[in-house]
Amino acid sequence: MTTTATGYNGVVTTRFRAGWIGLFSGENQSRAVQRTLTDINGRGLKCAGLVHDQWNFFVRLWWLLIAVITLGFYVRVPNVVIVTEPLR
């Protein structure tokens, strides 16, 4: 995640909670994006664009392993990549 507002564009990955935790908390894609946009605006950045995250075998394998170990209680799903730019 970008740390401070600089003169350059940045990239932030949004992930929403899935599994049992996401089911009981009512998490979905729009809430995850809204939560990330609020965090980005608090850091002095604004959204320049949204792009769907590309599929990566090793990342999916890693999260599948974590889901099996935690019995599905904790799963995170790659979601949207947000391109940021500084506020002016």
PDB file of N, CA and C in Angstrom:
ATOM      1  N   MET A   1       0.845  -1.167   0.000  1.00  0.00           N
ATOM      2  CA  MET A   1       0.000   0.000   0.000  1.00  0.00           C
ATOM      3  C   MET A   1       0.888   1.226   0.000  1.00  0.00           C
ATOM      4  N   THR A   2       0.442   2.287  -0.653  1.00  0.00           N
ATOM      5  CA  THR A   2       1.229   3.503  -0.675  1.00  0.00           C
ATOM      6  C   THR A   2       1.251   4.117   0.716  1.00  0.00           C
ATOM      7  N   THR A   3       2.372   4.703   1.094  1.00  0.00           N
ATOM      8  CA  THR A   3       2.529   5.184   2.462  1.00  0.00           C
ATOM      9  C   THR A   3       2.230   6.669   2.611  1.00  0.00           C
ATOM     10  N   THR A   4       2.728   7.496   1.719  1.00  0.00           N
ATOM     11  CA  THR A   4       2.493   8.929   1.832  1.00  0.00           C
ATOM     12  C   THR A   4       2.109   9.497   0.482  1.00  0.00           C
ATOM     13  N   ALA A   5       1.594  10.694   0.514  1.00  0.00           N
ATOM     14  CA  ALA A   5       1.237  11.368  -0.731  1.00  0.00           C
ATOM     15  C   ALA A   5       2.507  11.909  -1.371  1.00  0.00           C
ATOM     16  N   THR A   6       2.831  11.410  -2.544  1.00  0.00           N
ATOM     17  CA  THR A   6       3.998  11.874  -3.284  1.00  0.00           C
ATOM     18  C   THR A   6       3.516  12.460  -4.606  1.00  0.00           C
ATOM     19  N   GLY A   7       4.423  12.853  -5.445  1.00  0.00           N
ATOM     20  CA  GLY A   7       4.062  13.404  -6.739  1.00  0.00           C
ATOM     21  C   GLY A   7       3.821  12.350  -7.795  1.00  0.00           C
ATOM     22  N   TYR A   8       3.800  11.085  -7.402  1.00  0.00           N
ATOM     23  CA  TYR A   8       3.682  10.000  -8.364  1.00  0.00           C
ATOM     24  C   TYR A   8       2.402   9.207  -8.140  1.00  0.00           C
ATOM     25  N   ASN A   9       2.008   8.467  -9.173  1.00  0.00           N
ATOM     26  CA  ASN A   9       0.870   7.567  -9.034  1.00  0.00           C
ATOM     27  C   ASN A   9       1.290   6.337  -8.244  1.00  0.00           C
ATOM     28  N   GLY A  10       0.330   5.718  -7.596  1.00  0.00           N
ATOM     29  CA  GLY A  10       0.592   4.513  -6.828  1.00  0.00           C
ATOM     30  C   GLY A  10      -0.454   3.457  -7.156  1.00  0.00           C
ATOM     31  N   VAL A  11      -0.239   2.262  -6.664  1.00  0.00           N
ATOM     32  CA  VAL A  11      -1.153   1.146  -6.882  1.00  0.00           C
ATOM     33  C   VAL A  11      -1.480   0.521  -5.533  1.00  0.00           C
ATOM     34  N   VAL A  12      -2.773   0.286  -5.285  1.00  0.00           N
ATOM     35  CA  VAL A  12      -3.237  -0.324  -4.050  1.00  0.00           C
ATOM     36  C   VAL A  12      -4.110  -1.512  -4.424  1.00  0.00           C
ATOM     37  N   THR A  13      -3.869  -2.651  -3.812  1.00  0.00           N
ATOM     38  CA  THR A  13      -4.671  -3.841  -4.064  1.00  0.00           C
ATOM     39  C   THR A  13      -5.769  -3.942  -3.016  1.00  0.00           C
ATOM     40  N   THR A  14      -7.001  -4.121  -3.473  1.00  0.00           N
ATOM     41  CA  THR A  14      -8.138  -4.284  -2.573  1.00  0.00           C
ATOM     42  C   THR A  14      -8.460  -5.764  -2.481  1.00  0.00           C
ATOM     43  N   ARG A  15      -8.663  -6.229  -1.262  1.00  0.00           N
ATOM     44  CA  ARG A  15      -9.049  -7.627  -1.051  1.00  0.00           C
ATOM     45  C   ARG A  15     -10.226  -7.647  -0.103  1.00  0.00           C
ATOM     46  N   PHE A  16     -11.201  -8.476  -0.404  1.00  0.00           N
ATOM     47  CA  PHE A  16     -12.308  -8.579   0.536  1.00  0.00           C
ATOM     48  C   PHE A  16     -12.241  -9.905   1.261  1.00  0.00           C
ATOM     49  N   ARG A  17     -12.760  -9.881   2.487  1.00  0.00           N
ATOM     50  CA  ARG A  17     -12.725 -11.063   3.339  1.00  0.00           C
ATOM     51  C   ARG A  17     -13.791 -12.039   2.877  1.00  0.00           C
ATOM     52  N   ALA A  18     -13.393 -13.250   2.681  1.00  0.00           N
ATOM     53  CA  ALA A  18     -14.339 -14.297   2.299  1.00  0.00           C
ATOM     54  C   ALA A  18     -14.344 -15.337   3.418  1.00  0.00           C
ATOM     55  N   GLY A  19     -14.959 -16.452   3.182  1.00  0.00           N
ATOM     56  CA  GLY A  19     -15.003 -17.496   4.196  1.00  0.00           C
ATOM     57  C   GLY A  19     -16.058 -17.196   5.244  1.00  0.00           C
ATOM     58  N   TRP A  20     -15.937 -17.838   6.389  1.00  0.00           N
ATOM     59  CA  TRP A  20     -16.921 -17.675   7.460  1.00  0.00           C
ATOM     60  C   TRP A  20     -16.929 -16.252   8.006  1.00  0.00           C
ATOM     61  N   ILE A  21     -15.748 -15.642   8.146  1.00  0.00           N
ATOM     62  CA  ILE A  21     -15.670 -14.281   8.683  1.00  0.00           C
ATOM     63  C   ILE A  21     -16.376 -13.299   7.761  1.00  0.00           C
ATOM     64  N   GLY A  22     -16.140 -13.406   6.471  1.00  0.00           N
ATOM     65  CA  GLY A  22     -16.805 -12.528   5.517  1.00  0.00           C
ATOM     66  C   GLY A  22     -18.300 -12.768   5.443  1.00  0.00           C
ATOM     67  N   LEU A  23     -18.707 -14.013   5.598  1.00  0.00           N
ATOM     68  CA  LEU A  23     -20.129 -14.345   5.555  1.00  0.00           C
ATOM     69  C   LEU A  23     -20.878 -13.699   6.712  1.00  0.00           C
ATOM     70  N   PHE A  24     -20.324 -13.788   7.912  1.00  0.00           N
ATOM     71  CA  PHE A  24     -21.010 -13.245   9.083  1.00  0.00           C
ATOM     72  C   PHE A  24     -20.858 -11.736   9.233  1.00  0.00           C
ATOM     73  N   SER A  25     -19.823 -11.148   8.637  1.00  0.00           N
ATOM     74  CA  SER A  25     -19.654  -9.698   8.714  1.00  0.00           C
ATOM     75  C   SER A  25     -20.349  -8.978   7.573  1.00  0.00           C
ATOM     76  N   GLY A  26     -20.860  -9.706   6.604  1.00  0.00           N
ATOM     77  CA  GLY A  26     -21.562  -9.091   5.474  1.00  0.00           C
ATOM     78  C   GLY A  26     -20.629  -8.427   4.485  1.00  0.00           C
ATOM     79  N   GLU A  27     -19.433  -8.939   4.358  1.00  0.00           N
ATOM     80  CA  GLU A  27     -18.434  -8.357   3.470  1.00  0.00           C
ATOM     81  C   GLU A  27     -18.764  -8.687   2.018  1.00  0.00           C
ATOM     82  N   ASN A  28     -18.578  -7.717   1.128  1.00  0.00           N
ATOM     83  CA  ASN A  28     -18.711  -7.942  -0.304  1.00  0.00           C
ATOM     84  C   ASN A  28     -17.741  -7.027  -1.048  1.00  0.00           C
ATOM     85  N   GLN A  29     -17.738  -7.108  -2.354  1.00  0.00           N
ATOM     86  CA  GLN A  29     -16.768  -6.384  -3.159  1.00  0.00           C
ATOM     87  C   GLN A  29     -16.922  -4.871  -3.011  1.00  0.00           C
ATOM     88  N   SER A  30     -18.127  -4.373  -3.021  1.00  0.00           N
ATOM     89  CA  SER A  30     -18.316  -2.922  -2.945  1.00  0.00           C
ATOM     90  C   SER A  30     -17.890  -2.370  -1.584  1.00  0.00           C
ATOM     91  N   ARG A  31     -18.135  -3.098  -0.505  1.00  0.00           N
ATOM     92  CA  ARG A  31     -17.686  -2.647   0.812  1.00  0.00           C
ATOM     93  C   ARG A  31     -16.167  -2.638   0.915  1.00  0.00           C
ATOM     94  N   ALA A  32     -15.527  -3.620   0.320  1.00  0.00           N
ATOM     95  CA  ALA A  32     -14.064  -3.670   0.361  1.00  0.00           C
ATOM     96  C   ALA A  32     -13.461  -2.499  -0.411  1.00  0.00           C
ATOM     97  N   VAL A  33     -14.018  -2.182  -1.567  1.00  0.00           N
ATOM     98  CA  VAL A  33     -13.517  -1.048  -2.354  1.00  0.00           C
ATOM     99  C   VAL A  33     -13.778   0.252  -1.608  1.00  0.00           C
ATOM    100  N   GLN A  34     -14.960   0.406  -1.019  1.00  0.00           N
ATOM    101  CA  GLN A  34     -15.277   1.622  -0.277  1.00  0.00           C
ATOM    102  C   GLN A  34     -14.349   1.798   0.922  1.00  0.00           C
ATOM    103  N   ARG A  35     -14.067   0.723   1.631  1.00  0.00           N
ATOM    104  CA  ARG A  35     -13.158   0.773   2.776  1.00  0.00           C
ATOM    105  C   ARG A  35     -11.756   1.196   2.335  1.00  0.00           C
ATOM    106  N   THR A  36     -11.287   0.672   1.215  1.00  0.00           N
ATOM    107  CA  THR A  36      -9.960   1.020   0.714  1.00  0.00           C
ATOM    108  C   THR A  36      -9.911   2.453   0.208  1.00  0.00           C
ATOM    109  N   LEU A  37     -10.971   2.913  -0.460  1.00  0.00           N
ATOM    110  CA  LEU A  37     -11.007   4.298  -0.941  1.00  0.00           C
ATOM    111  C   LEU A  37     -10.990   5.291   0.220  1.00  0.00           C
ATOM    112  N   THR A  38     -11.674   4.966   1.300  1.00  0.00           N
ATOM    113  CA  THR A  38     -11.650   5.827   2.479  1.00  0.00           C
ATOM    114  C   THR A  38     -10.241   5.913   3.051  1.00  0.00           C
ATOM    115  N   ASP A  39      -9.539   4.780   3.095  1.00  0.00           N
ATOM    116  CA  ASP A  39      -8.167   4.761   3.582  1.00  0.00           C
ATOM    117  C   ASP A  39      -7.245   5.556   2.656  1.00  0.00           C
ATOM    118  N   ILE A  40      -7.438   5.416   1.358  1.00  0.00           N
ATOM    119  CA  ILE A  40      -6.614   6.134   0.388  1.00  0.00           C
ATOM    120  C   ILE A  40      -6.825   7.638   0.513  1.00  0.00           C
ATOM    121  N   ASN A  41      -8.076   8.073   0.650  1.00  0.00           N
ATOM    122  CA  ASN A  41      -8.354   9.507   0.797  1.00  0.00           C
ATOM    123  C   ASN A  41      -7.755  10.057   2.084  1.00  0.00           C
ATOM    124  N   GLY A  42      -7.733   9.252   3.132  1.00  0.00           N
ATOM    125  CA  GLY A  42      -7.114   9.675   4.389  1.00  0.00           C
ATOM    126  C   GLY A  42      -5.617   9.855   4.278  1.00  0.00           C
ATOM    127  N   ARG A  43      -4.999   9.211   3.316  1.00  0.00           N
ATOM    128  CA  ARG A  43      -3.557   9.329   3.104  1.00  0.00           C
ATOM    129  C   ARG A  43      -3.198  10.461   2.146  1.00  0.00           C
ATOM    130  N   GLY A  44      -4.188  11.205   1.670  1.00  0.00           N
ATOM    131  CA  GLY A  44      -3.918  12.326   0.779  1.00  0.00           C
ATOM    132  C   GLY A  44      -3.828  11.926  -0.677  1.00  0.00           C
ATOM    133  N   LEU A  45      -4.457  10.822  -1.045  1.00  0.00           N
ATOM    134  CA  LEU A  45      -4.466  10.352  -2.432  1.00  0.00           C
ATOM    135  C   LEU A  45      -5.902  10.250  -2.921  1.00  0.00           C
ATOM    136  N   LYS A  46      -6.076  10.207  -4.237  1.00  0.00           N
ATOM    137  CA  LYS A  46      -7.404   9.986  -4.800  1.00  0.00           C
ATOM    138  C   LYS A  46      -7.331   8.886  -5.843  1.00  0.00           C
ATOM    139  N   CYS A  47      -8.469   8.331  -6.157  1.00  0.00           N
ATOM    140  CA  CYS A  47      -8.555   7.222  -7.106  1.00  0.00           C
ATOM    141  C   CYS A  47      -8.474   7.751  -8.530  1.00  0.00           C
ATOM    142  N   ALA A  48      -7.557   7.196  -9.314  1.00  0.00           N
ATOM    143  CA  ALA A  48      -7.427   7.569 -10.715  1.00  0.00           C
ATOM    144  C   ALA A  48      -8.037   6.507 -11.623  1.00  0.00           C
ATOM    145  N   GLY A  49      -8.203   5.289 -11.112  1.00  0.00           N
ATOM    146  CA  GLY A  49      -8.782   4.220 -11.913  1.00  0.00           C
ATOM    147  C   GLY A  49      -8.877   2.921 -11.140  1.00  0.00           C
ATOM    148  N   LEU A  50      -9.788   2.059 -11.591  1.00  0.00           N
ATOM    149  CA  LEU A  50      -9.978   0.735 -10.996  1.00  0.00           C
ATOM    150  C   LEU A  50      -9.759  -0.318 -12.065  1.00  0.00           C
ATOM    151  N   VAL A  51      -9.019  -1.370 -11.720  1.00  0.00           N
ATOM    152  CA  VAL A  51      -8.730  -2.453 -12.656  1.00  0.00           C
ATOM    153  C   VAL A  51      -8.927  -3.771 -11.916  1.00  0.00           C
ATOM    154  N   HIS A  52      -9.568  -4.746 -12.549  1.00  0.00           N
ATOM    155  CA  HIS A  52      -9.703  -6.066 -11.931  1.00  0.00           C
ATOM    156  C   HIS A  52      -8.335  -6.735 -11.842  1.00  0.00           C
ATOM    157  N   ASP A  53      -8.082  -7.367 -10.722  1.00  0.00           N
ATOM    158  CA  ASP A  53      -6.808  -8.030 -10.473  1.00  0.00           C
ATOM    159  C   ASP A  53      -6.666  -9.247 -11.376  1.00  0.00           C
ATOM    160  N   GLN A  54      -5.450  -9.487 -11.872  1.00  0.00           N
ATOM    161  CA  GLN A  54      -5.208 -10.641 -12.727  1.00  0.00           C
ATOM    162  C   GLN A  54      -5.037 -11.895 -11.892  1.00  0.00           C
ATOM    163  N   TRP A  55      -5.346 -13.001 -12.483  1.00  0.00           N
ATOM    164  CA  TRP A  55      -5.282 -14.291 -11.810  1.00  0.00           C
ATOM    165  C   TRP A  55      -3.840 -14.748 -11.722  1.00  0.00           C
ATOM    166  N   ASN A  56      -3.417 -15.199 -10.527  1.00  0.00           N
ATOM    167  CA  ASN A  56      -2.066 -15.685 -10.317  1.00  0.00           C
ATOM    168  C   ASN A  56      -2.162 -17.041  -9.611  1.00  0.00           C
ATOM    169  N   PHE A  57      -1.592 -18.070 -10.226  1.00  0.00           N
ATOM    170  CA  PHE A  57      -1.697 -19.426  -9.707  1.00  0.00           C
ATOM    171  C   PHE A  57      -1.112 -19.559  -8.304  1.00  0.00           C
ATOM    172  N   PHE A  58       0.061 -18.999  -8.079  1.00  0.00           N
ATOM    173  CA  PHE A  58       0.741 -19.171  -6.804  1.00  0.00           C
ATOM    174  C   PHE A  58       0.033 -18.433  -5.669  1.00  0.00           C
ATOM    175  N   VAL A  59      -0.506 -17.265  -5.960  1.00  0.00           N
ATOM    176  CA  VAL A  59      -1.266 -16.535  -4.940  1.00  0.00           C
ATOM    177  C   VAL A  59      -2.528 -17.310  -4.582  1.00  0.00           C
ATOM    178  N   ARG A  60      -3.218 -17.826  -5.592  1.00  0.00           N
ATOM    179  CA  ARG A  60      -4.429 -18.610  -5.326  1.00  0.00           C
ATOM    180  C   ARG A  60      -4.098 -19.886  -4.559  1.00  0.00           C
ATOM    181  N   LEU A  61      -2.984 -20.508  -4.871  1.00  0.00           N
ATOM    182  CA  LEU A  61      -2.559 -21.705  -4.158  1.00  0.00           C
ATOM    183  C   LEU A  61      -2.250 -21.381  -2.692  1.00  0.00           C
ATOM    184  N   TRP A  62      -1.587 -20.258  -2.449  1.00  0.00           N
ATOM    185  CA  TRP A  62      -1.281 -19.833  -1.092  1.00  0.00           C
ATOM    186  C   TRP A  62      -2.563 -19.602  -0.282  1.00  0.00           C
ATOM    187  N   TRP A  63      -3.533 -18.880  -0.850  1.00  0.00           N
ATOM    188  CA  TRP A  63      -4.774 -18.613  -0.123  1.00  0.00           C
ATOM    189  C   TRP A  63      -5.613 -19.871   0.045  1.00  0.00           C
ATOM    190  N   LEU A  64      -5.513 -20.803  -0.895  1.00  0.00           N
ATOM    191  CA  LEU A  64      -6.192 -22.086  -0.736  1.00  0.00           C
ATOM    192  C   LEU A  64      -5.602 -22.856   0.442  1.00  0.00           C
ATOM    193  N   LEU A  65      -4.292 -22.835   0.581  1.00  0.00           N
ATOM    194  CA  LEU A  65      -3.619 -23.489   1.701  1.00  0.00           C
ATOM    195  C   LEU A  65      -4.042 -22.859   3.037  1.00  0.00           C
ATOM    196  N   ILE A  66      -4.090 -21.540   3.084  1.00  0.00           N
ATOM    197  CA  ILE A  66      -4.530 -20.852   4.306  1.00  0.00           C
ATOM    198  C   ILE A  66      -5.987 -21.181   4.612  1.00  0.00           C
ATOM    199  N   ALA A  67      -6.825 -21.256   3.591  1.00  0.00           N
ATOM    200  CA  ALA A  67      -8.237 -21.588   3.803  1.00  0.00           C
ATOM    201  C   ALA A  67      -8.394 -22.997   4.359  1.00  0.00           C
ATOM    202  N   VAL A  68      -7.598 -23.928   3.879  1.00  0.00           N
ATOM    203  CA  VAL A  68      -7.669 -25.306   4.373  1.00  0.00           C
ATOM    204  C   VAL A  68      -7.170 -25.377   5.817  1.00  0.00           C
ATOM    205  N   ILE A  69      -6.078 -24.686   6.114  1.00  0.00           N
ATOM    206  CA  ILE A  69      -5.519 -24.716   7.467  1.00  0.00           C
ATOM    207  C   ILE A  69      -6.494 -24.106   8.475  1.00  0.00           C
ATOM    208  N   THR A  70      -7.174 -23.016   8.100  1.00  0.00           N
ATOM    209  CA  THR A  70      -8.099 -22.352   9.024  1.00  0.00           C
ATOM    210  C   THR A  70      -9.525 -22.878   8.912  1.00  0.00           C
ATOM    211  N   LEU A  71      -9.714 -23.948   8.158  1.00  0.00           N
ATOM    212  CA  LEU A  71     -11.036 -24.563   7.958  1.00  0.00           C
ATOM    213  C   LEU A  71     -12.051 -23.586   7.374  1.00  0.00           C
ATOM    214  N   GLY A  72     -11.590 -22.681   6.548  1.00  0.00           N
ATOM    215  CA  GLY A  72     -12.471 -21.744   5.861  1.00  0.00           C
ATOM    216  C   GLY A  72     -12.871 -20.536   6.671  1.00  0.00           C
ATOM    217  N   PHE A  73     -12.315 -20.359   7.870  1.00  0.00           N
ATOM    218  CA  PHE A  73     -12.676 -19.198   8.677  1.00  0.00           C
ATOM    219  C   PHE A  73     -12.015 -17.926   8.176  1.00  0.00           C
ATOM    220  N   TYR A  74     -10.827 -18.033   7.603  1.00  0.00           N
ATOM    221  CA  TYR A  74     -10.115 -16.853   7.133  1.00  0.00           C
ATOM    222  C   TYR A  74      -9.667 -17.083   5.695  1.00  0.00           C
ATOM    223  N   VAL A  75     -10.285 -16.369   4.774  1.00  0.00           N
ATOM    224  CA  VAL A  75      -9.940 -16.446   3.357  1.00  0.00           C
ATOM    225  C   VAL A  75      -9.964 -15.027   2.818  1.00  0.00           C
ATOM    226  N   ARG A  76      -8.950 -14.647   2.058  1.00  0.00           N
ATOM    227  CA  ARG A  76      -8.945 -13.346   1.399  1.00  0.00           C
ATOM    228  C   ARG A  76      -8.884 -13.586  -0.097  1.00  0.00           C
ATOM    229  N   VAL A  77      -9.626 -12.784  -0.827  1.00  0.00           N
ATOM    230  CA  VAL A  77      -9.739 -12.967  -2.264  1.00  0.00           C
ATOM    231  C   VAL A  77      -9.205 -11.716  -2.955  1.00  0.00           C
ATOM    232  N   PRO A  78      -8.253 -11.864  -3.898  1.00  0.00           N
ATOM    233  CA  PRO A  78      -7.814 -10.701  -4.674  1.00  0.00           C
ATOM    234  C   PRO A  78      -9.008 -10.137  -5.439  1.00  0.00           C
ATOM    235  N   ASN A  79      -9.102  -8.834  -5.503  1.00  0.00           N
ATOM    236  CA  ASN A  79     -10.318  -8.231  -5.975  1.00  0.00           C
ATOM    237  C   ASN A  79     -10.067  -7.182  -7.046  1.00  0.00           C
ATOM    238  N   VAL A  80      -9.671  -5.998  -6.650  1.00  0.00           N
ATOM    239  CA  VAL A  80      -9.544  -4.850  -7.534  1.00  0.00           C
ATOM    240  C   VAL A  80      -8.219  -4.161  -7.246  1.00  0.00           C
ATOM    241  N   VAL A  81      -7.579  -3.672  -8.294  1.00  0.00           N
ATOM    242  CA  VAL A  81      -6.377  -2.859  -8.150  1.00  0.00           C
ATOM    243  C   VAL A  81      -6.796  -1.415  -8.370  1.00  0.00           C
ATOM    244  N   ILE A  82      -6.464  -0.542  -7.408  1.00  0.00           N
ATOM    245  CA  ILE A  82      -6.821   0.869  -7.490  1.00  0.00           C
ATOM    246  C   ILE A  82      -5.567   1.661  -7.810  1.00  0.00           C
ATOM    247  N   VAL A  83      -5.615   2.445  -8.884  1.00  0.00           N
ATOM    248  CA  VAL A  83      -4.508   3.324  -9.262  1.00  0.00           C
ATOM    249  C   VAL A  83      -4.784   4.673  -8.605  1.00  0.00           C
ATOM    250  N   THR A  84      -3.806   5.189  -7.867  1.00  0.00           N
ATOM    251  CA  THR A  84      -4.003   6.419  -7.119  1.00  0.00           C
ATOM    252  C   THR A  84      -3.128   7.541  -7.677  1.00  0.00           C
ATOM    253  N   GLU A  85      -3.534   8.765  -7.372  1.00  0.00           N
ATOM    254  CA  GLU A  85      -2.746   9.940  -7.696  1.00  0.00           C
ATOM    255  C   GLU A  85      -2.899  10.929  -6.549  1.00  0.00           C
ATOM    256  N   PRO A  86      -1.937  11.825  -6.373  1.00  0.00           N
ATOM    257  CA  PRO A  86      -2.017  12.765  -5.257  1.00  0.00           C
ATOM    258  C   PRO A  86      -3.153  13.769  -5.443  1.00  0.00           C
ATOM    259  N   LEU A  87      -3.722  14.204  -4.312  1.00  0.00           N
ATOM    260  CA  LEU A  87      -4.726  15.281  -4.344  1.00  0.00           C
ATOM    261  C   LEU A  87      -4.023  16.595  -4.653  1.00  0.00           C
ATOM    262  N   ARG A  88      -4.699  17.460  -5.366  1.00  0.00           N
ATOM    263  CA  ARG A  88      -4.095  18.766  -5.684  1.00  0.00           C
ATOM    264  C   ARG A  88      -4.965  19.865  -5.203  1.00  0.00           C
TER     265      ARG A  88
END
